[in-house]
Structures are given as C-alpha cells and as structure tokens.
C-alpha cells in the first residue's frame, strides 16, 4: 500500500484554518495537534484542533494568520508507518 500523496494546502479566508488535501481517503484515526507544526514568517502558530475528513486534514489555528502570507506545515507520523 502506498502512502497518500499531498496535493495542496490553503488557508481559509478568515485565516483561522489550514486545509490540506491528499490524493486519497485518509485513515479515520484522528491526528493529534502534536503531529503537526504550522510556521508563518518563521514563527510557530499553535494548532487548537485537527479534523480528518475523507482526503482532507483541517488544522484550526489558535490565532489568525493573513491568508496571503506563505505558511509552512510539517507533519510527523507518530507510528512511523504508512497508515
């Protein structure tokens, strides 16, 4: 089984969520906020919640970001496997 491939990421118009889209349906297991890091202009932005639905992951941010500013998202698989 191959791992889902990342396709795109957007920040919603309100600047409160980062929405990640993948090539296939993801595991229904809810990811932890500790599995992701969001960085804007070199500063880490706290994530208040993570929701997985179908092929998308929605990261709700603790503070608003400018949706036009580049955002970096990092993910660490806590299990180390392609699940």
PDB file of N, CA and C in Angstrom:
ATOM      1  N   UNK A   1       0.843  -1.173   0.000  1.00  0.00           N
ATOM      2  CA  UNK A   1       0.000   0.000   0.000  1.00  0.00           C
ATOM      3  C   UNK A   1       0.890   1.239   0.000  1.00  0.00           C
ATOM      4  N   UNK A   2       0.568   2.194  -0.863  1.00  0.00           N
ATOM      5  CA  UNK A   2       1.357   3.423  -0.902  1.00  0.00           C
ATOM      6  C   UNK A   2       0.720   4.476   0.001  1.00  0.00           C
ATOM      7  N   UNK A   3       1.535   5.388   0.439  1.00  0.00           N
ATOM      8  CA  UNK A   3       1.057   6.475   1.290  1.00  0.00           C
ATOM      9  C   UNK A   3       0.304   7.491   0.448  1.00  0.00           C
ATOM     10  N   UNK A   4      -0.712   8.138   1.016  1.00  0.00           N
ATOM     11  CA  UNK A   4      -1.405   9.210   0.292  1.00  0.00           C
ATOM     12  C   UNK A   4      -0.400  10.308  -0.061  1.00  0.00           C
ATOM     13  N   UNK A   5      -0.570  10.899  -1.238  1.00  0.00           N
ATOM     14  CA  UNK A   5       0.307  11.989  -1.679  1.00  0.00           C
ATOM     15  C   UNK A   5      -0.341  13.331  -1.394  1.00  0.00           C
ATOM     16  N   UNK A   6       0.441  14.240  -0.867  1.00  0.00           N
ATOM     17  CA  UNK A   6      -0.025  15.600  -0.629  1.00  0.00           C
ATOM     18  C   UNK A   6      -0.323  16.263  -1.964  1.00  0.00           C
ATOM     19  N   UNK A   7      -1.460  16.988  -2.065  1.00  0.00           N
ATOM     20  CA  UNK A   7      -1.813  17.674  -3.295  1.00  0.00           C
ATOM     21  C   UNK A   7      -1.773  19.194  -3.160  1.00  0.00           C
ATOM     22  N   UNK A   8      -2.401  19.737  -2.110  1.00  0.00           N
ATOM     23  CA  UNK A   8      -2.393  21.194  -1.953  1.00  0.00           C
ATOM     24  C   UNK A   8      -2.744  21.584  -0.529  1.00  0.00           C
ATOM     25  N   UNK A   9      -2.452  22.833  -0.212  1.00  0.00           N
ATOM     26  CA  UNK A   9      -2.812  23.400   1.085  1.00  0.00           C
ATOM     27  C   UNK A   9      -3.325  24.812   0.859  1.00  0.00           C
ATOM     28  N   UNK A  10      -4.359  25.169   1.604  1.00  0.00           N
ATOM     29  CA  UNK A  10      -4.867  26.538   1.541  1.00  0.00           C
ATOM     30  C   UNK A  10      -5.132  27.035   2.954  1.00  0.00           C
ATOM     31  N   UNK A  11      -5.092  28.348   3.113  1.00  0.00           N
ATOM     32  CA  UNK A  11      -5.534  28.988   4.346  1.00  0.00           C
ATOM     33  C   UNK A  11      -6.910  29.556   4.027  1.00  0.00           C
ATOM     34  N   UNK A  12      -7.889  29.288   4.885  1.00  0.00           N
ATOM     35  CA  UNK A  12      -9.228  29.803   4.607  1.00  0.00           C
ATOM     36  C   UNK A  12      -9.241  31.329   4.655  1.00  0.00           C
ATOM     37  N   UNK A  13     -10.285  31.927   4.116  1.00  0.00           N
ATOM     38  CA  UNK A  13     -10.375  33.388   4.015  1.00  0.00           C
ATOM     39  C   UNK A  13     -10.292  34.110   5.344  1.00  0.00           C
ATOM     40  N   UNK A  14     -10.759  33.462   6.418  1.00  0.00           N
ATOM     41  CA  UNK A  14     -10.697  34.078   7.749  1.00  0.00           C
ATOM     42  C   UNK A  14      -9.311  33.977   8.370  1.00  0.00           C
ATOM     43  N   UNK A  15      -8.443  33.133   7.786  1.00  0.00           N
ATOM     44  CA  UNK A  15      -7.087  32.965   8.323  1.00  0.00           C
ATOM     45  C   UNK A  15      -7.037  32.146   9.582  1.00  0.00           C
ATOM     46  N   UNK A  16      -8.077  31.336   9.821  1.00  0.00           N
ATOM     47  CA  UNK A  16      -8.149  30.556  11.054  1.00  0.00           C
ATOM     48  C   UNK A  16      -7.904  29.068  10.853  1.00  0.00           C
ATOM     49  N   UNK A  17      -7.852  28.631   9.583  1.00  0.00           N
ATOM     50  CA  UNK A  17      -7.656  27.204   9.305  1.00  0.00           C
ATOM     51  C   UNK A  17      -6.712  27.010   8.136  1.00  0.00           C
ATOM     52  N   UNK A  18      -5.927  25.924   8.229  1.00  0.00           N
ATOM     53  CA  UNK A  18      -5.117  25.459   7.106  1.00  0.00           C
ATOM     54  C   UNK A  18      -5.737  24.138   6.682  1.00  0.00           C
ATOM     55  N   UNK A  19      -6.082  24.030   5.400  1.00  0.00           N
ATOM     56  CA  UNK A  19      -6.745  22.835   4.891  1.00  0.00           C
ATOM     57  C   UNK A  19      -5.803  22.131   3.921  1.00  0.00           C
ATOM     58  N   UNK A  20      -5.449  20.892   4.259  1.00  0.00           N
ATOM     59  CA  UNK A  20      -4.528  20.085   3.472  1.00  0.00           C
ATOM     60  C   UNK A  20      -5.332  19.052   2.684  1.00  0.00           C
ATOM     61  N   UNK A  21      -5.038  18.897   1.404  1.00  0.00           N
ATOM     62  CA  UNK A  21      -5.735  17.922   0.577  1.00  0.00           C
ATOM     63  C   UNK A  21      -4.752  16.880   0.082  1.00  0.00           C
ATOM     64  N   UNK A  22      -5.168  15.603   0.168  1.00  0.00           N
ATOM     65  CA  UNK A  22      -4.340  14.476  -0.235  1.00  0.00           C
ATOM     66  C   UNK A  22      -4.982  13.711  -1.393  1.00  0.00           C
ATOM     67  N   UNK A  23      -4.218  12.814  -1.994  1.00  0.00           N
ATOM     68  CA  UNK A  23      -4.621  12.102  -3.200  1.00  0.00           C
ATOM     69  C   UNK A  23      -5.656  11.006  -2.958  1.00  0.00           C
ATOM     70  N   UNK A  24      -5.870  10.612  -1.723  1.00  0.00           N
ATOM     71  CA  UNK A  24      -6.817   9.538  -1.429  1.00  0.00           C
ATOM     72  C   UNK A  24      -7.376   9.705  -0.031  1.00  0.00           C
ATOM     73  N   UNK A  25      -8.408   8.929   0.273  1.00  0.00           N
ATOM     74  CA  UNK A  25      -9.027   8.981   1.589  1.00  0.00           C
ATOM     75  C   UNK A  25      -8.002   8.605   2.655  1.00  0.00           C
ATOM     76  N   UNK A  26      -8.012   9.376   3.732  1.00  0.00           N
ATOM     77  CA  UNK A  26      -7.072   9.172   4.829  1.00  0.00           C
ATOM     78  C   UNK A  26      -7.691   8.293   5.910  1.00  0.00           C
ATOM     79  N   UNK A  27      -6.863   7.767   6.767  1.00  0.00           N
ATOM     80  CA  UNK A  27      -7.328   6.978   7.907  1.00  0.00           C
ATOM     81  C   UNK A  27      -8.278   7.829   8.737  1.00  0.00           C
ATOM     82  N   UNK A  28      -9.312   7.203   9.248  1.00  0.00           N
ATOM     83  CA  UNK A  28     -10.275   7.953  10.058  1.00  0.00           C
ATOM     84  C   UNK A  28      -9.753   8.237  11.461  1.00  0.00           C
ATOM     85  N   UNK A  29      -8.596   7.683  11.782  1.00  0.00           N
ATOM     86  CA  UNK A  29      -7.982   7.954  13.076  1.00  0.00           C
ATOM     87  C   UNK A  29      -7.652   9.442  13.169  1.00  0.00           C
ATOM     88  N   UNK A  30      -8.099  10.066  14.228  1.00  0.00           N
ATOM     89  CA  UNK A  30      -7.864  11.496  14.379  1.00  0.00           C
ATOM     90  C   UNK A  30      -6.408  11.759  14.738  1.00  0.00           C
ATOM     91  N   UNK A  31      -5.803  12.620  13.970  1.00  0.00           N
ATOM     92  CA  UNK A  31      -4.416  13.004  14.237  1.00  0.00           C
ATOM     93  C   UNK A  31      -4.387  13.972  15.417  1.00  0.00           C
ATOM     94  N   UNK A  32      -3.276  14.012  16.070  1.00  0.00           N
ATOM     95  CA  UNK A  32      -3.084  14.903  17.211  1.00  0.00           C
ATOM     96  C   UNK A  32      -2.508  16.242  16.752  1.00  0.00           C
ATOM     97  N   UNK A  33      -2.799  17.277  17.494  1.00  0.00           N
ATOM     98  CA  UNK A  33      -2.201  18.585  17.197  1.00  0.00           C
ATOM     99  C   UNK A  33      -0.683  18.522  17.325  1.00  0.00           C
ATOM    100  N   UNK A  34      -0.180  17.578  18.126  1.00  0.00           N
ATOM    101  CA  UNK A  34       1.271  17.421  18.304  1.00  0.00           C
ATOM    102  C   UNK A  34       1.958  16.844  17.072  1.00  0.00           C
ATOM    103  N   UNK A  35       1.168  16.268  16.141  1.00  0.00           N
ATOM    104  CA  UNK A  35       1.735  15.668  14.935  1.00  0.00           C
ATOM    105  C   UNK A  35       2.064  16.710  13.862  1.00  0.00           C
ATOM    106  N   UNK A  36       1.529  17.926  14.019  1.00  0.00           N
ATOM    107  CA  UNK A  36       1.693  18.983  13.017  1.00  0.00           C
ATOM    108  C   UNK A  36       2.392  20.199  13.608  1.00  0.00           C
ATOM    109  N   UNK A  37       3.095  20.919  12.749  1.00  0.00           N
ATOM    110  CA  UNK A  37       3.678  22.209  13.101  1.00  0.00           C
ATOM    111  C   UNK A  37       3.324  23.175  11.990  1.00  0.00           C
ATOM    112  N   UNK A  38       2.797  24.339  12.351  1.00  0.00           N
ATOM    113  CA  UNK A  38       2.494  25.394  11.381  1.00  0.00           C
ATOM    114  C   UNK A  38       3.409  26.568  11.685  1.00  0.00           C
ATOM    115  N   UNK A  39       4.104  27.047  10.655  1.00  0.00           N
ATOM    116  CA  UNK A  39       5.031  28.166  10.799  1.00  0.00           C
ATOM    117  C   UNK A  39       4.660  29.270   9.816  1.00  0.00           C
ATOM    118  N   UNK A  40       4.601  30.500  10.314  1.00  0.00           N
ATOM    119  CA  UNK A  40       4.306  31.674   9.481  1.00  0.00           C
ATOM    120  C   UNK A  40       5.379  32.709   9.762  1.00  0.00           C
ATOM    121  N   UNK A  41       6.054  33.163   8.724  1.00  0.00           N
ATOM    122  CA  UNK A  41       7.141  34.152   8.872  1.00  0.00           C
ATOM    123  C   UNK A  41       8.162  33.735   9.921  1.00  0.00           C
ATOM    124  N   UNK A  42       8.472  32.435   9.970  1.00  0.00           N
ATOM    125  CA  UNK A  42       9.484  31.931  10.894  1.00  0.00           C
ATOM    126  C   UNK A  42       9.003  31.693  12.314  1.00  0.00           C
ATOM    127  N   UNK A  43       7.730  32.017  12.602  1.00  0.00           N
ATOM    128  CA  UNK A  43       7.194  31.823  13.952  1.00  0.00           C
ATOM    129  C   UNK A  43       6.159  30.714  13.961  1.00  0.00           C
ATOM    130  N   UNK A  44       6.244  29.845  14.955  1.00  0.00           N
ATOM    131  CA  UNK A  44       5.287  28.752  15.066  1.00  0.00           C
ATOM    132  C   UNK A  44       3.935  29.281  15.529  1.00  0.00           C
ATOM    133  N   UNK A  45       2.871  28.779  14.901  1.00  0.00           N
ATOM    134  CA  UNK A  45       1.498  29.138  15.255  1.00  0.00           C
ATOM    135  C   UNK A  45       0.862  27.902  15.894  1.00  0.00           C
ATOM    136  N   UNK A  46       0.255  28.073  17.058  1.00  0.00           N
ATOM    137  CA  UNK A  46      -0.366  26.953  17.759  1.00  0.00           C
ATOM    138  C   UNK A  46      -1.574  26.432  16.993  1.00  0.00           C
ATOM    139  N   UNK A  47      -1.768  25.125  17.071  1.00  0.00           N
ATOM    140  CA  UNK A  47      -2.909  24.464  16.448  1.00  0.00           C
ATOM    141  C   UNK A  47      -3.856  24.051  17.573  1.00  0.00           C
ATOM    142  N   UNK A  48      -5.122  24.483  17.488  1.00  0.00           N
ATOM    143  CA  UNK A  48      -6.065  24.152  18.558  1.00  0.00           C
ATOM    144  C   UNK A  48      -6.801  22.848  18.305  1.00  0.00           C
ATOM    145  N   UNK A  49      -6.961  22.456  17.022  1.00  0.00           N
ATOM    146  CA  UNK A  49      -7.610  21.176  16.745  1.00  0.00           C
ATOM    147  C   UNK A  49      -7.253  20.684  15.352  1.00  0.00           C
ATOM    148  N   UNK A  50      -7.428  19.368  15.161  1.00  0.00           N
ATOM    149  CA  UNK A  50      -7.189  18.712  13.874  1.00  0.00           C
ATOM    150  C   UNK A  50      -8.420  17.882  13.551  1.00  0.00           C
ATOM    151  N   UNK A  51      -8.916  18.013  12.317  1.00  0.00           N
ATOM    152  CA  UNK A  51     -10.049  17.196  11.881  1.00  0.00           C
ATOM    153  C   UNK A  51      -9.681  16.525  10.566  1.00  0.00           C
ATOM    154  N   UNK A  52      -9.911  15.215  10.488  1.00  0.00           N
ATOM    155  CA  UNK A  52      -9.650  14.455   9.265  1.00  0.00           C
ATOM    156  C   UNK A  52     -10.997  14.044   8.688  1.00  0.00           C
ATOM    157  N   UNK A  53     -11.216  14.376   7.409  1.00  0.00           N
ATOM    158  CA  UNK A  53     -12.465  14.013   6.746  1.00  0.00           C
ATOM    159  C   UNK A  53     -12.166  13.664   5.296  1.00  0.00           C
ATOM    160  N   UNK A  54     -12.388  12.403   4.947  1.00  0.00           N
ATOM    161  CA  UNK A  54     -12.119  11.975   3.574  1.00  0.00           C
ATOM    162  C   UNK A  54     -10.656  12.147   3.234  1.00  0.00           C
ATOM    163  N   UNK A  55     -10.371  12.973   2.226  1.00  0.00           N
ATOM    164  CA  UNK A  55      -8.985  13.187   1.794  1.00  0.00           C
ATOM    165  C   UNK A  55      -8.427  14.525   2.279  1.00  0.00           C
ATOM    166  N   UNK A  56      -9.083  15.143   3.271  1.00  0.00           N
ATOM    167  CA  UNK A  56      -8.598  16.430   3.775  1.00  0.00           C
ATOM    168  C   UNK A  56      -8.281  16.377   5.263  1.00  0.00           C
ATOM    169  N   UNK A  57      -7.333  17.227   5.638  1.00  0.00           N
ATOM    170  CA  UNK A  57      -6.994  17.461   7.044  1.00  0.00           C
ATOM    171  C   UNK A  57      -7.187  18.944   7.277  1.00  0.00           C
ATOM    172  N   UNK A  58      -7.958  19.280   8.293  1.00  0.00           N
ATOM    173  CA  UNK A  58      -8.234  20.677   8.609  1.00  0.00           C
ATOM    174  C   UNK A  58      -7.576  21.015   9.939  1.00  0.00           C
ATOM    175  N   UNK A  59      -6.629  21.938   9.902  1.00  0.00           N
ATOM    176  CA  UNK A  59      -5.923  22.387  11.103  1.00  0.00           C
ATOM    177  C   UNK A  59      -6.537  23.712  11.534  1.00  0.00           C
ATOM    178  N   UNK A  60      -7.129  23.764  12.703  1.00  0.00           N
ATOM    179  CA  UNK A  60      -7.672  25.011  13.230  1.00  0.00           C
ATOM    180  C   UNK A  60      -6.580  25.681  14.053  1.00  0.00           C
ATOM    181  N   UNK A  61      -6.301  26.928  13.713  1.00  0.00           N
ATOM    182  CA  UNK A  61      -5.207  27.659  14.349  1.00  0.00           C
ATOM    183  C   UNK A  61      -5.699  28.411  15.577  1.00  0.00           C
ATOM    184  N   UNK A  62      -4.829  28.561  16.565  1.00  0.00           N
ATOM    185  CA  UNK A  62      -5.170  29.278  17.795  1.00  0.00           C
ATOM    186  C   UNK A  62      -5.200  30.782  17.588  1.00  0.00           C
ATOM    187  N   UNK A  63      -4.536  31.248  16.539  1.00  0.00           N
ATOM    188  CA  UNK A  63      -4.560  32.674  16.221  1.00  0.00           C
ATOM    189  C   UNK A  63      -4.686  32.840  14.713  1.00  0.00           C
ATOM    190  N   UNK A  64      -5.229  33.963  14.321  1.00  0.00           N
ATOM    191  CA  UNK A  64      -5.478  34.241  12.911  1.00  0.00           C
ATOM    192  C   UNK A  64      -4.173  34.571  12.186  1.00  0.00           C
ATOM    193  N   UNK A  65      -4.069  34.097  10.928  1.00  0.00           N
ATOM    194  CA  UNK A  65      -2.929  34.440  10.081  1.00  0.00           C
ATOM    195  C   UNK A  65      -3.462  35.087   8.807  1.00  0.00           C
ATOM    196  N   UNK A  66      -2.640  35.878   8.169  1.00  0.00           N
ATOM    197  CA  UNK A  66      -3.005  36.501   6.904  1.00  0.00           C
ATOM    198  C   UNK A  66      -3.020  35.409   5.836  1.00  0.00           C
ATOM    199  N   UNK A  67      -4.163  35.194   5.198  1.00  0.00           N
ATOM    200  CA  UNK A  67      -4.268  34.096   4.233  1.00  0.00           C
ATOM    201  C   UNK A  67      -3.391  34.293   3.005  1.00  0.00           C
ATOM    202  N   UNK A  68      -2.837  35.486   2.825  1.00  0.00           N
ATOM    203  CA  UNK A  68      -1.941  35.740   1.693  1.00  0.00           C
ATOM    204  C   UNK A  68      -0.473  35.494   2.044  1.00  0.00           C
ATOM    205  N   UNK A  69      -0.171  35.254   3.320  1.00  0.00           N
ATOM    206  CA  UNK A  69       1.199  35.014   3.768  1.00  0.00           C
ATOM    207  C   UNK A  69       1.537  33.536   3.626  1.00  0.00           C
ATOM    208  N   UNK A  70       2.723  33.212   3.082  1.00  0.00           N
ATOM    209  CA  UNK A  70       3.108  31.794   2.980  1.00  0.00           C
ATOM    210  C   UNK A  70       3.132  31.119   4.351  1.00  0.00           C
ATOM    211  N   UNK A  71       2.595  29.912   4.380  1.00  0.00           N
ATOM    212  CA  UNK A  71       2.503  29.119   5.602  1.00  0.00           C
ATOM    213  C   UNK A  71       3.221  27.795   5.357  1.00  0.00           C
ATOM    214  N   UNK A  72       4.028  27.372   6.315  1.00  0.00           N
ATOM    215  CA  UNK A  72       4.720  26.085   6.222  1.00  0.00           C
ATOM    216  C   UNK A  72       4.070  25.126   7.210  1.00  0.00           C
ATOM    217  N   UNK A  73       3.734  23.924   6.717  1.00  0.00           N
ATOM    218  CA  UNK A  73       3.151  22.894   7.568  1.00  0.00           C
ATOM    219  C   UNK A  73       4.070  21.684   7.546  1.00  0.00           C
ATOM    220  N   UNK A  74       4.396  21.186   8.728  1.00  0.00           N
ATOM    221  CA  UNK A  74       5.200  19.970   8.859  1.00  0.00           C
ATOM    222  C   UNK A  74       4.362  18.923   9.580  1.00  0.00           C
ATOM    223  N   UNK A  75       4.589  17.652   9.222  1.00  0.00           N
ATOM    224  CA  UNK A  75       3.862  16.545   9.844  1.00  0.00           C
ATOM    225  C   UNK A  75       4.852  15.448  10.204  1.00  0.00           C
ATOM    226  N   UNK A  76       4.670  14.876  11.383  1.00  0.00           N
ATOM    227  CA  UNK A  76       5.468  13.737  11.813  1.00  0.00           C
ATOM    228  C   UNK A  76       4.514  12.597  12.117  1.00  0.00           C
ATOM    229  N   UNK A  77       4.642  11.488  11.393  1.00  0.00           N
ATOM    230  CA  UNK A  77       3.801  10.319  11.617  1.00  0.00           C
ATOM    231  C   UNK A  77       4.196   9.705  12.960  1.00  0.00           C
ATOM    232  N   UNK A  78       3.285   9.674  13.918  1.00  0.00           N
ATOM    233  CA  UNK A  78       3.632   9.165  15.244  1.00  0.00           C
ATOM    234  C   UNK A  78       3.907   7.671  15.271  1.00  0.00           C
ATOM    235  N   UNK A  79       3.430   6.934  14.246  1.00  0.00           N
ATOM    236  CA  UNK A  79       3.622   5.488  14.228  1.00  0.00           C
ATOM    237  C   UNK A  79       4.793   5.069  13.350  1.00  0.00           C
ATOM    238  N   UNK A  80       5.215   5.954  12.452  1.00  0.00           N
ATOM    239  CA  UNK A  80       6.325   5.633  11.577  1.00  0.00           C
ATOM    240  C   UNK A  80       5.962   4.685  10.450  1.00  0.00           C
ATOM    241  N   UNK A  81       4.653   4.436  10.246  1.00  0.00           N
ATOM    242  CA  UNK A  81       4.227   3.553   9.163  1.00  0.00           C
ATOM    243  C   UNK A  81       3.274   4.287   8.226  1.00  0.00           C
ATOM    244  N   UNK A  82       2.988   3.696   7.089  1.00  0.00           N
ATOM    245  CA  UNK A  82       2.086   4.317   6.123  1.00  0.00           C
ATOM    246  C   UNK A  82       0.640   4.004   6.464  1.00  0.00           C
ATOM    247  N   UNK A  83       0.148   4.607   7.515  1.00  0.00           N
ATOM    248  CA  UNK A  83      -1.244   4.393   7.889  1.00  0.00           C
ATOM    249  C   UNK A  83      -1.948   5.678   7.743  1.00  0.00           C
TER     250      UNK A  83
END
